Amino acid sequence: MAHPRKQFGQHWLRSEKALHSIVKAADLQEGDRVLEIGPGTGALTEFLLQTPASVTAIEIDRDLCPKLVARFGKNERFLLLQGDILEMDLGAFLPPASYPNKVVANIPYNITGPILDRVLGTIAQPTNPPFNSLVLLVQKEVAQRITAKPGSRIYGALSVHCQYLAECDWICDVVAKSFFPPPKVDSAVVRLRPRPYPDPAEQPQWFSTLVRLGFQSRRKMLRNNFKSIVEPDRLTVILEEIDVNPQARAEELGVADWVALSRRLTPAAAS
């Protein structure tokens, strides 16, 4: 039996209820091509291959690859690639017709951010072409931040980032004892459905910069966090113009408010 390796952040999901929930959320149909990141011992892979979809799995742990090949290698809808998702160029291995259109993954907690940037993209550079959907098993706190609403204590830059790039849904909780070995925290499944934001920012990089600056010191008002780029009195006028409280903190602004702010507070207008 293979043993989970701490260096790869391996916690293998054992709950059939959670596995069913993940596959159901992915809504896999004939012709779907799934990218599974970190299949481990193949518990989720087995459920994915019970659907009509094909599966391209990327596993960083060389020792697990022979076991995965032995288990699924005869299935013509299964392809295993050994390597690091953060460094791998999928286009070098897959022709356009075989390129995945959906992602399903139990993401290692220690590289959640970089993987999100890889499969969802950044505000300035969304993944192109976008995946139709991403069903991700992540640390519960991360799931809460991804799906948080404005005004919430946990609403932050990650919330704005993900909600600007995708529709974000909470699917289910997954308790620590569902894994081997159990992590120290609970997890949750989220689904992200990438789409162009209905009213996109005119300068995405600037929009991203404002969000980052705004959330640098959460307890401070925007007028204090933005002191380095705009006079407080000027910012007060801009916030009033977009119908935002001049005393607001970053967490009080929804995605649409941040887009509106990036249009009024342009780099040219910043001091």
C-alpha atoms as a PDB file:
ATOM      1  CA  MET A   1       0.000   0.000   0.000  1.00  0.00           C
ATOM      2  CA  ALA A   2       1.275   3.476  -0.912  1.00  0.00           C
ATOM      3  CA  HIS A   3       1.848   5.928   1.906  1.00  0.00           C
ATOM      4  CA  PRO A   4       0.938   9.628   1.619  1.00  0.00           C
ATOM      5  CA  ARG A   5       3.917  11.958   1.393  1.00  0.00           C
ATOM      6  CA  LYS A   6       3.967  15.152   3.407  1.00  0.00           C
ATOM      7  CA  GLN A   7       6.241  16.866   0.856  1.00  0.00           C
ATOM      8  CA  PHE A   8       3.438  16.656  -1.726  1.00  0.00           C
ATOM      9  CA  GLY A   9       0.684  17.621   0.714  1.00  0.00           C
ATOM     10  CA  GLN A  10      -1.028  14.280   0.122  1.00  0.00           C
ATOM     11  CA  HIS A  11      -4.330  13.632   1.904  1.00  0.00           C
ATOM     12  CA  TRP A  12      -6.340  10.991   0.092  1.00  0.00           C
ATOM     13  CA  LEU A  13     -10.106  11.302   0.056  1.00  0.00           C
ATOM     14  CA  ARG A  14     -11.883   8.162   1.265  1.00  0.00           C
ATOM     15  CA  SER A  15     -15.484   9.364   1.616  1.00  0.00           C
ATOM     16  CA  GLU A  16     -17.709   7.932  -1.119  1.00  0.00           C
ATOM     17  CA  LYS A  17     -20.339  10.546  -0.283  1.00  0.00           C
ATOM     18  CA  ALA A  18     -17.845  13.343  -0.978  1.00  0.00           C
ATOM     19  CA  LEU A  19     -16.594  11.619  -4.136  1.00  0.00           C
ATOM     20  CA  HIS A  20     -20.162  11.351  -5.442  1.00  0.00           C
ATOM     21  CA  SER A  21     -20.756  15.041  -4.673  1.00  0.00           C
ATOM     22  CA  ILE A  22     -17.629  16.082  -6.570  1.00  0.00           C
ATOM     23  CA  VAL A  23     -18.508  14.059  -9.674  1.00  0.00           C
ATOM     24  CA  LYS A  24     -22.132  15.224  -9.584  1.00  0.00           C
ATOM     25  CA  ALA A  25     -21.015  18.876  -9.401  1.00  0.00           C
ATOM     26  CA  ALA A  26     -18.781  18.353 -12.442  1.00  0.00           C
ATOM     27  CA  ASP A  27     -21.852  17.277 -14.483  1.00  0.00           C
ATOM     28  CA  LEU A  28     -19.769  15.144 -16.837  1.00  0.00           C
ATOM     29  CA  GLN A  29     -21.290  14.371 -20.225  1.00  0.00           C
ATOM     30  CA  GLU A  30     -20.288  12.526 -23.363  1.00  0.00           C
ATOM     31  CA  GLY A  31     -17.381  14.389 -24.925  1.00  0.00           C
ATOM     32  CA  ASP A  32     -16.188  16.056 -21.720  1.00  0.00           C
ATOM     33  CA  ARG A  33     -12.450  15.874 -21.117  1.00  0.00           C
ATOM     34  CA  VAL A  34     -11.434  16.116 -17.468  1.00  0.00           C
ATOM     35  CA  LEU A  35      -8.120  17.300 -16.093  1.00  0.00           C
ATOM     36  CA  GLU A  36      -7.560  15.646 -12.716  1.00  0.00           C
ATOM     37  CA  ILE A  37      -4.727  17.171 -10.700  1.00  0.00           C
ATOM     38  CA  GLY A  38      -3.064  14.840  -8.208  1.00  0.00           C
ATOM     39  CA  PRO A  39      -5.032  11.584  -8.570  1.00  0.00           C
ATOM     40  CA  GLY A  40      -3.056   9.956  -5.733  1.00  0.00           C
ATOM     41  CA  THR A  41      -4.188   6.362  -5.447  1.00  0.00           C
ATOM     42  CA  GLY A  42      -7.086   6.885  -7.858  1.00  0.00           C
ATOM     43  CA  ALA A  43     -10.176   7.042  -5.630  1.00  0.00           C
ATOM     44  CA  LEU A  44     -11.621  10.029  -7.490  1.00  0.00           C
ATOM     45  CA  THR A  45     -10.289   8.775 -10.826  1.00  0.00           C
ATOM     46  CA  GLU A  46     -12.376   5.645 -10.488  1.00  0.00           C
ATOM     47  CA  PHE A  47     -15.538   7.685  -9.987  1.00  0.00           C
ATOM     48  CA  LEU A  48     -14.675   9.973 -12.913  1.00  0.00           C
ATOM     49  CA  LEU A  49     -14.192   7.019 -15.237  1.00  0.00           C
ATOM     50  CA  GLN A  50     -17.670   5.740 -14.341  1.00  0.00           C
ATOM     51  CA  THR A  51     -19.000   8.733 -16.303  1.00  0.00           C
ATOM     52  CA  PRO A  52     -18.810   9.111 -20.116  1.00  0.00           C
ATOM     53  CA  ALA A  53     -15.903  11.580 -19.807  1.00  0.00           C
ATOM     54  CA  SER A  54     -12.240  10.990 -20.567  1.00  0.00           C
ATOM     55  CA  VAL A  55      -9.645  11.755 -17.879  1.00  0.00           C
ATOM     56  CA  THR A  56      -6.159  13.220 -18.174  1.00  0.00           C
ATOM     57  CA  ALA A  57      -4.507  12.866 -14.762  1.00  0.00           C
ATOM     58  CA  ILE A  58      -1.326  14.656 -13.714  1.00  0.00           C
ATOM     59  CA  GLU A  59       0.578  13.113 -10.820  1.00  0.00           C
ATOM     60  CA  ILE A  60       3.790  14.551  -9.396  1.00  0.00           C
ATOM     61  CA  ASP A  61       4.661  11.480  -7.293  1.00  0.00           C
ATOM     62  CA  ARG A  62       6.627   9.051  -9.482  1.00  0.00           C
ATOM     63  CA  ASP A  63       6.007   6.147  -7.116  1.00  0.00           C
ATOM     64  CA  LEU A  64       2.238   6.402  -7.550  1.00  0.00           C
ATOM     65  CA  CYS A  65       2.301   6.394 -11.346  1.00  0.00           C
ATOM     66  CA  PRO A  66       2.890   2.639 -11.847  1.00  0.00           C
ATOM     67  CA  LYS A  67       0.005   1.889  -9.471  1.00  0.00           C
ATOM     68  CA  LEU A  68      -2.297   4.225 -11.398  1.00  0.00           C
ATOM     69  CA  VAL A  69      -1.264   2.654 -14.697  1.00  0.00           C
ATOM     70  CA  ALA A  70      -1.884  -0.816 -13.292  1.00  0.00           C
ATOM     71  CA  ARG A  71      -5.324   0.222 -12.097  1.00  0.00           C
ATOM     72  CA  PHE A  72      -6.570   2.288 -15.044  1.00  0.00           C
ATOM     73  CA  GLY A  73      -4.084   1.861 -17.875  1.00  0.00           C
ATOM     74  CA  LYS A  74      -6.323  -0.434 -19.933  1.00  0.00           C
ATOM     75  CA  ASN A  75      -9.089   2.153 -20.035  1.00  0.00           C
ATOM     76  CA  GLU A  76      -8.814   4.038 -23.326  1.00  0.00           C
ATOM     77  CA  ARG A  77     -10.413   7.102 -21.722  1.00  0.00           C
ATOM     78  CA  PHE A  78      -7.564   7.435 -19.197  1.00  0.00           C
ATOM     79  CA  LEU A  79      -4.244   9.205 -19.777  1.00  0.00           C
ATOM     80  CA  LEU A  80      -1.619   9.667 -17.068  1.00  0.00           C
ATOM     81  CA  LEU A  81       1.080  12.331 -17.208  1.00  0.00           C
ATOM     82  CA  GLN A  82       3.841  12.395 -14.602  1.00  0.00           C
ATOM     83  CA  GLY A  83       4.916  15.884 -13.609  1.00  0.00           C
ATOM     84  CA  ASP A  84       4.142  19.146 -11.847  1.00  0.00           C
ATOM     85  CA  ILE A  85       0.947  20.891 -12.979  1.00  0.00           C
ATOM     86  CA  LEU A  86       2.557  24.244 -12.185  1.00  0.00           C
ATOM     87  CA  GLU A  87       5.368  23.626 -14.656  1.00  0.00           C
ATOM     88  CA  MET A  88       3.775  21.384 -17.276  1.00  0.00           C
ATOM     89  CA  ASP A  89       2.754  22.631 -20.722  1.00  0.00           C
ATOM     90  CA  LEU A  90      -0.306  20.511 -21.455  1.00  0.00           C
ATOM     91  CA  GLY A  91      -0.316  21.681 -25.050  1.00  0.00           C
ATOM     92  CA  ALA A  92       2.979  19.865 -25.586  1.00  0.00           C
ATOM     93  CA  PHE A  93       1.309  16.542 -24.740  1.00  0.00           C
ATOM     94  CA  LEU A  94      -2.259  16.977 -25.934  1.00  0.00           C
ATOM     95  CA  PRO A  95      -3.647  17.960 -29.336  1.00  0.00           C
ATOM     96  CA  PRO A  96      -6.339  20.680 -29.263  1.00  0.00           C
ATOM     97  CA  ALA A  97      -9.113  18.112 -29.750  1.00  0.00           C
ATOM     98  CA  SER A  98      -8.024  16.283 -26.588  1.00  0.00           C
ATOM     99  CA  TYR A  99      -7.385  19.329 -24.412  1.00  0.00           C
ATOM    100  CA  PRO A 100      -9.425  19.188 -21.166  1.00  0.00           C
ATOM    101  CA  ASN A 101     -12.521  21.339 -20.884  1.00  0.00           C
ATOM    102  CA  LYS A 102     -13.160  20.693 -17.179  1.00  0.00           C
ATOM    103  CA  VAL A 103     -10.981  20.421 -14.073  1.00  0.00           C
ATOM    104  CA  VAL A 104     -11.673  18.160 -11.104  1.00  0.00           C
ATOM    105  CA  ALA A 105      -9.095  18.120  -8.325  1.00  0.00           C
ATOM    106  CA  ASN A 106      -8.333  17.530  -4.674  1.00  0.00           C
ATOM    107  CA  ILE A 107      -5.807  20.361  -4.378  1.00  0.00           C
ATOM    108  CA  PRO A 108      -2.860  20.257  -1.961  1.00  0.00           C
ATOM    109  CA  TYR A 109      -3.424  23.037   0.567  1.00  0.00           C
ATOM    110  CA  ASN A 110       0.117  24.371   0.265  1.00  0.00           C
ATOM    111  CA  ILE A 111      -0.184  25.236  -3.447  1.00  0.00           C
ATOM    112  CA  THR A 112      -3.859  26.190  -3.742  1.00  0.00           C
ATOM    113  CA  GLY A 113      -3.082  29.756  -4.840  1.00  0.00           C
ATOM    114  CA  PRO A 114      -0.654  28.827  -7.635  1.00  0.00           C
ATOM    115  CA  ILE A 115      -3.006  26.108  -8.910  1.00  0.00           C
ATOM    116  CA  LEU A 116      -5.908  28.581  -8.996  1.00  0.00           C
ATOM    117  CA  ASP A 117      -3.735  30.964 -10.990  1.00  0.00           C
ATOM    118  CA  ARG A 118      -2.936  28.113 -13.376  1.00  0.00           C
ATOM    119  CA  VAL A 119      -6.456  26.793 -13.989  1.00  0.00           C
ATOM    120  CA  LEU A 120      -8.482  29.999 -13.512  1.00  0.00           C
ATOM    121  CA  GLY A 121      -5.865  32.605 -14.304  1.00  0.00           C
ATOM    122  CA  THR A 122      -5.358  36.073 -12.914  1.00  0.00           C
ATOM    123  CA  ILE A 123      -7.531  39.138 -13.371  1.00  0.00           C
ATOM    124  CA  ALA A 124      -5.020  40.525 -15.847  1.00  0.00           C
ATOM    125  CA  GLN A 125      -4.474  37.180 -17.593  1.00  0.00           C
ATOM    126  CA  PRO A 126      -7.392  34.749 -17.342  1.00  0.00           C
ATOM    127  CA  THR A 127      -6.693  31.203 -18.488  1.00  0.00           C
ATOM    128  CA  ASN A 128      -7.192  31.082 -22.251  1.00  0.00           C
ATOM    129  CA  PRO A 129      -9.101  29.204 -23.413  1.00  0.00           C
ATOM    130  CA  PRO A 130     -11.056  29.025 -20.155  1.00  0.00           C
ATOM    131  CA  PHE A 131     -12.221  25.723 -18.733  1.00  0.00           C
ATOM    132  CA  ASN A 132     -15.982  25.205 -18.705  1.00  0.00           C
ATOM    133  CA  SER A 133     -15.906  24.434 -15.004  1.00  0.00           C
ATOM    134  CA  LEU A 134     -13.543  23.758 -12.107  1.00  0.00           C
ATOM    135  CA  VAL A 135     -14.655  21.500  -9.271  1.00  0.00           C
ATOM    136  CA  LEU A 136     -12.084  21.803  -6.524  1.00  0.00           C
ATOM    137  CA  LEU A 137     -11.702  20.239  -3.111  1.00  0.00           C
ATOM    138  CA  VAL A 138      -9.897  22.834  -1.019  1.00  0.00           C
ATOM    139  CA  GLN A 139      -9.308  23.857   2.571  1.00  0.00           C
ATOM    140  CA  LYS A 140     -12.617  25.047   4.043  1.00  0.00           C
ATOM    141  CA  GLU A 141     -11.243  28.493   4.835  1.00  0.00           C
ATOM    142  CA  VAL A 142     -10.228  28.932   1.185  1.00  0.00           C
ATOM    143  CA  ALA A 143     -13.672  27.804   0.022  1.00  0.00           C
ATOM    144  CA  GLN A 144     -15.248  30.348   2.363  1.00  0.00           C
ATOM    145  CA  ARG A 145     -13.065  33.112   0.965  1.00  0.00           C
ATOM    146  CA  ILE A 146     -13.775  32.159  -2.656  1.00  0.00           C
ATOM    147  CA  THR A 147     -17.544  32.276  -2.143  1.00  0.00           C
ATOM    148  CA  ALA A 148     -17.746  35.087   0.473  1.00  0.00           C
ATOM    149  CA  LYS A 149     -20.155  37.991   0.006  1.00  0.00           C
ATOM    150  CA  PRO A 150     -19.200  41.678   0.372  1.00  0.00           C
ATOM    151  CA  GLY A 151     -19.352  42.849   3.967  1.00  0.00           C
ATOM    152  CA  SER A 152     -18.288  39.465   5.291  1.00  0.00           C
ATOM    153  CA  ARG A 153     -15.283  39.195   7.583  1.00  0.00           C
ATOM    154  CA  ILE A 154     -13.670  36.704   5.192  1.00  0.00           C
ATOM    155  CA  TYR A 155     -14.438  38.570   1.961  1.00  0.00           C
ATOM    156  CA  GLY A 156     -11.104  39.626   0.494  1.00  0.00           C
ATOM    157  CA  ALA A 157      -8.868  39.915  -2.556  1.00  0.00           C
ATOM    158  CA  LEU A 158      -9.284  36.193  -3.366  1.00  0.00           C
ATOM    159  CA  SER A 159     -13.074  36.630  -3.316  1.00  0.00           C
ATOM    160  CA  VAL A 160     -12.896  39.513  -5.799  1.00  0.00           C
ATOM    161  CA  HIS A 161     -10.377  37.650  -7.962  1.00  0.00           C
ATOM    162  CA  CYS A 162     -12.456  34.472  -8.269  1.00  0.00           C
ATOM    163  CA  GLN A 163     -15.852  36.163  -8.522  1.00  0.00           C
ATOM    164  CA  TYR A 164     -14.610  38.502 -11.241  1.00  0.00           C
ATOM    165  CA  LEU A 165     -13.426  35.546 -13.326  1.00  0.00           C
ATOM    166  CA  ALA A 166     -16.122  32.960 -12.552  1.00  0.00           C
ATOM    167  CA  GLU A 167     -19.469  32.098 -11.034  1.00  0.00           C
ATOM    168  CA  CYS A 168     -18.534  30.567  -7.670  1.00  0.00           C
ATOM    169  CA  ASP A 169     -20.700  27.999  -5.873  1.00  0.00           C
ATOM    170  CA  TRP A 170     -20.294  26.173  -2.576  1.00  0.00           C
ATOM    171  CA  ILE A 171     -21.020  22.477  -3.151  1.00  0.00           C
ATOM    172  CA  CYS A 172     -20.468  20.697   0.171  1.00  0.00           C
ATOM    173  CA  ASP A 173     -18.413  20.399   3.344  1.00  0.00           C
ATOM    174  CA  VAL A 174     -15.870  17.585   3.704  1.00  0.00           C
ATOM    175  CA  VAL A 175     -14.731  16.862   7.252  1.00  0.00           C
ATOM    176  CA  ALA A 176     -11.128  16.004   8.067  1.00  0.00           C
ATOM    177  CA  LYS A 177     -11.860  12.379   8.921  1.00  0.00           C
ATOM    178  CA  SER A 178     -12.894  11.826   5.285  1.00  0.00           C
ATOM    179  CA  PHE A 179      -9.197  11.741   4.370  1.00  0.00           C
ATOM    180  CA  PHE A 180      -6.192   9.519   4.989  1.00  0.00           C
ATOM    181  CA  PRO A 181      -4.303  10.856   6.761  1.00  0.00           C
ATOM    182  CA  PRO A 182      -6.785  13.375   8.200  1.00  0.00           C
ATOM    183  CA  PRO A 183      -5.606  16.986   7.707  1.00  0.00           C
ATOM    184  CA  LYS A 184      -5.693  19.356  10.652  1.00  0.00           C
ATOM    185  CA  VAL A 185      -8.572  21.362   9.155  1.00  0.00           C
ATOM    186  CA  ASP A 186     -11.846  20.649   7.387  1.00  0.00           C
ATOM    187  CA  SER A 187     -12.312  21.006   3.641  1.00  0.00           C
ATOM    188  CA  ALA A 188     -15.053  21.901   1.174  1.00  0.00           C
ATOM    189  CA  VAL A 189     -15.898  21.457  -2.482  1.00  0.00           C
ATOM    190  CA  VAL A 190     -16.429  24.533  -4.639  1.00  0.00           C
ATOM    191  CA  ARG A 191     -17.381  24.869  -8.295  1.00  0.00           C
ATOM    192  CA  LEU A 192     -16.107  27.741 -10.409  1.00  0.00           C
ATOM    193  CA  ARG A 193     -17.619  28.360 -13.837  1.00  0.00           C
ATOM    194  CA  PRO A 194     -15.355  30.777 -15.714  1.00  0.00           C
ATOM    195  CA  ARG A 195     -17.032  33.460 -17.820  1.00  0.00           C
ATOM    196  CA  PRO A 196     -16.240  37.002 -18.944  1.00  0.00           C
ATOM    197  CA  TYR A 197     -17.365  39.453 -16.282  1.00  0.00           C
ATOM    198  CA  PRO A 198     -20.608  41.073 -17.547  1.00  0.00           C
ATOM    199  CA  ASP A 199     -19.206  44.601 -17.198  1.00  0.00           C
ATOM    200  CA  PRO A 200     -15.433  44.080 -17.428  1.00  0.00           C
ATOM    201  CA  ALA A 201     -12.704  46.365 -16.148  1.00  0.00           C
ATOM    202  CA  GLU A 202     -11.166  48.530 -18.864  1.00  0.00           C
ATOM    203  CA  GLN A 203      -7.681  48.092 -17.384  1.00  0.00           C
ATOM    204  CA  PRO A 204      -7.574  44.648 -15.696  1.00  0.00           C
ATOM    205  CA  GLN A 205      -4.031  45.033 -14.362  1.00  0.00           C
ATOM    206  CA  TRP A 206      -4.913  48.342 -12.711  1.00  0.00           C
ATOM    207  CA  PHE A 207      -8.120  46.823 -11.347  1.00  0.00           C
ATOM    208  CA  SER A 208      -6.018  44.027  -9.816  1.00  0.00           C
ATOM    209  CA  THR A 209      -3.567  46.531  -8.342  1.00  0.00           C
ATOM    210  CA  LEU A 210      -6.369  48.516  -6.673  1.00  0.00           C
ATOM    211  CA  VAL A 211      -7.852  45.353  -5.153  1.00  0.00           C
ATOM    212  CA  ARG A 212      -4.467  44.332  -3.779  1.00  0.00           C
ATOM    213  CA  LEU A 213      -3.848  47.784  -2.285  1.00  0.00           C
ATOM    214  CA  GLY A 214      -7.347  47.998  -0.895  1.00  0.00           C
ATOM    215  CA  PHE A 215      -7.065  44.769   1.070  1.00  0.00           C
ATOM    216  CA  GLN A 216      -3.493  45.302   2.304  1.00  0.00           C
ATOM    217  CA  SER A 217      -4.718  46.586   5.657  1.00  0.00           C
ATOM    218  CA  ARG A 218      -8.230  45.271   6.093  1.00  0.00           C
ATOM    219  CA  ARG A 219      -9.043  47.322   9.170  1.00  0.00           C
ATOM    220  CA  LYS A 220      -8.224  50.609   7.480  1.00  0.00           C
ATOM    221  CA  MET A 221     -10.592  52.622   5.314  1.00  0.00           C
ATOM    222  CA  LEU A 222      -9.853  52.798   1.601  1.00  0.00           C
ATOM    223  CA  ARG A 223      -8.910  56.461   1.935  1.00  0.00           C
ATOM    224  CA  ASN A 224      -5.992  55.364   4.143  1.00  0.00           C
ATOM    225  CA  ASN A 225      -4.954  52.348   2.060  1.00  0.00           C
ATOM    226  CA  PHE A 226      -4.935  54.465  -1.100  1.00  0.00           C
ATOM    227  CA  LYS A 227      -3.000  57.407   0.358  1.00  0.00           C
ATOM    228  CA  SER A 228       0.032  56.509  -1.732  1.00  0.00           C
ATOM    229  CA  ILE A 229      -1.880  56.909  -5.012  1.00  0.00           C
ATOM    230  CA  VAL A 230      -4.641  59.481  -4.441  1.00  0.00           C
ATOM    231  CA  GLU A 231      -5.431  62.334  -2.072  1.00  0.00           C
ATOM    232  CA  PRO A 232      -8.135  61.349   0.454  1.00  0.00           C
ATOM    233  CA  ASP A 233     -10.386  64.254  -0.537  1.00  0.00           C
ATOM    234  CA  ARG A 234     -10.170  63.272  -4.197  1.00  0.00           C
ATOM    235  CA  LEU A 235     -10.975  59.649  -3.318  1.00  0.00           C
ATOM    236  CA  THR A 236     -13.996  60.807  -1.288  1.00  0.00           C
ATOM    237  CA  VAL A 237     -15.394  62.491  -4.389  1.00  0.00           C
ATOM    238  CA  ILE A 238     -14.784  59.394  -6.541  1.00  0.00           C
ATOM    239  CA  LEU A 239     -16.410  57.060  -4.015  1.00  0.00           C
ATOM    240  CA  GLU A 240     -19.454  59.304  -3.763  1.00  0.00           C
ATOM    241  CA  GLU A 241     -19.699  59.354  -7.571  1.00  0.00           C
ATOM    242  CA  ILE A 242     -19.944  55.550  -7.656  1.00  0.00           C
ATOM    243  CA  ASP A 243     -22.355  55.473  -4.705  1.00  0.00           C
ATOM    244  CA  VAL A 244     -19.882  54.000  -2.205  1.00  0.00           C
ATOM    245  CA  ASN A 245     -19.577  55.241   1.375  1.00  0.00           C
ATOM    246  CA  PRO A 246     -16.435  57.449   1.581  1.00  0.00           C
ATOM    247  CA  GLN A 247     -15.662  55.764   4.925  1.00  0.00           C
ATOM    248  CA  ALA A 248     -15.825  52.275   3.380  1.00  0.00           C
ATOM    249  CA  ARG A 249     -13.290  49.530   3.888  1.00  0.00           C
ATOM    250  CA  ALA A 250     -12.272  47.211   1.080  1.00  0.00           C
ATOM    251  CA  GLU A 251     -14.512  44.359   2.239  1.00  0.00           C
ATOM    252  CA  GLU A 252     -17.624  46.512   1.728  1.00  0.00           C
ATOM    253  CA  LEU A 253     -17.163  46.818  -2.042  1.00  0.00           C
ATOM    254  CA  GLY A 254     -18.660  44.208  -4.349  1.00  0.00           C
ATOM    255  CA  VAL A 255     -16.953  43.231  -7.599  1.00  0.00           C
ATOM    256  CA  ALA A 256     -19.012  45.748  -9.565  1.00  0.00           C
ATOM    257  CA  ASP A 257     -17.934  48.498  -7.134  1.00  0.00           C
ATOM    258  CA  TRP A 258     -14.266  47.593  -7.672  1.00  0.00           C
ATOM    259  CA  VAL A 259     -14.758  47.732 -11.442  1.00  0.00           C
ATOM    260  CA  ALA A 260     -16.432  51.128 -11.161  1.00  0.00           C
ATOM    261  CA  LEU A 261     -13.649  52.385  -8.884  1.00  0.00           C
ATOM    262  CA  SER A 262     -10.965  51.229 -11.354  1.00  0.00           C
ATOM    263  CA  ARG A 263     -12.685  53.282 -14.071  1.00  0.00           C
ATOM    264  CA  ARG A 264     -12.924  56.481 -12.046  1.00  0.00           C
ATOM    265  CA  LEU A 265      -9.619  56.164 -10.212  1.00  0.00           C
ATOM    266  CA  THR A 266      -7.438  55.577 -13.271  1.00  0.00           C
ATOM    267  CA  PRO A 267      -3.634  55.535 -13.221  1.00  0.00           C
ATOM    268  CA  ALA A 268      -3.729  59.000 -14.783  1.00  0.00           C
ATOM    269  CA  ALA A 269      -5.995  60.252 -11.998  1.00  0.00           C
ATOM    270  CA  ALA A 270      -3.822  58.719  -9.269  1.00  0.00           C
ATOM    271  CA  SER A 271      -1.226  61.030  -7.801  1.00  0.00           C
END
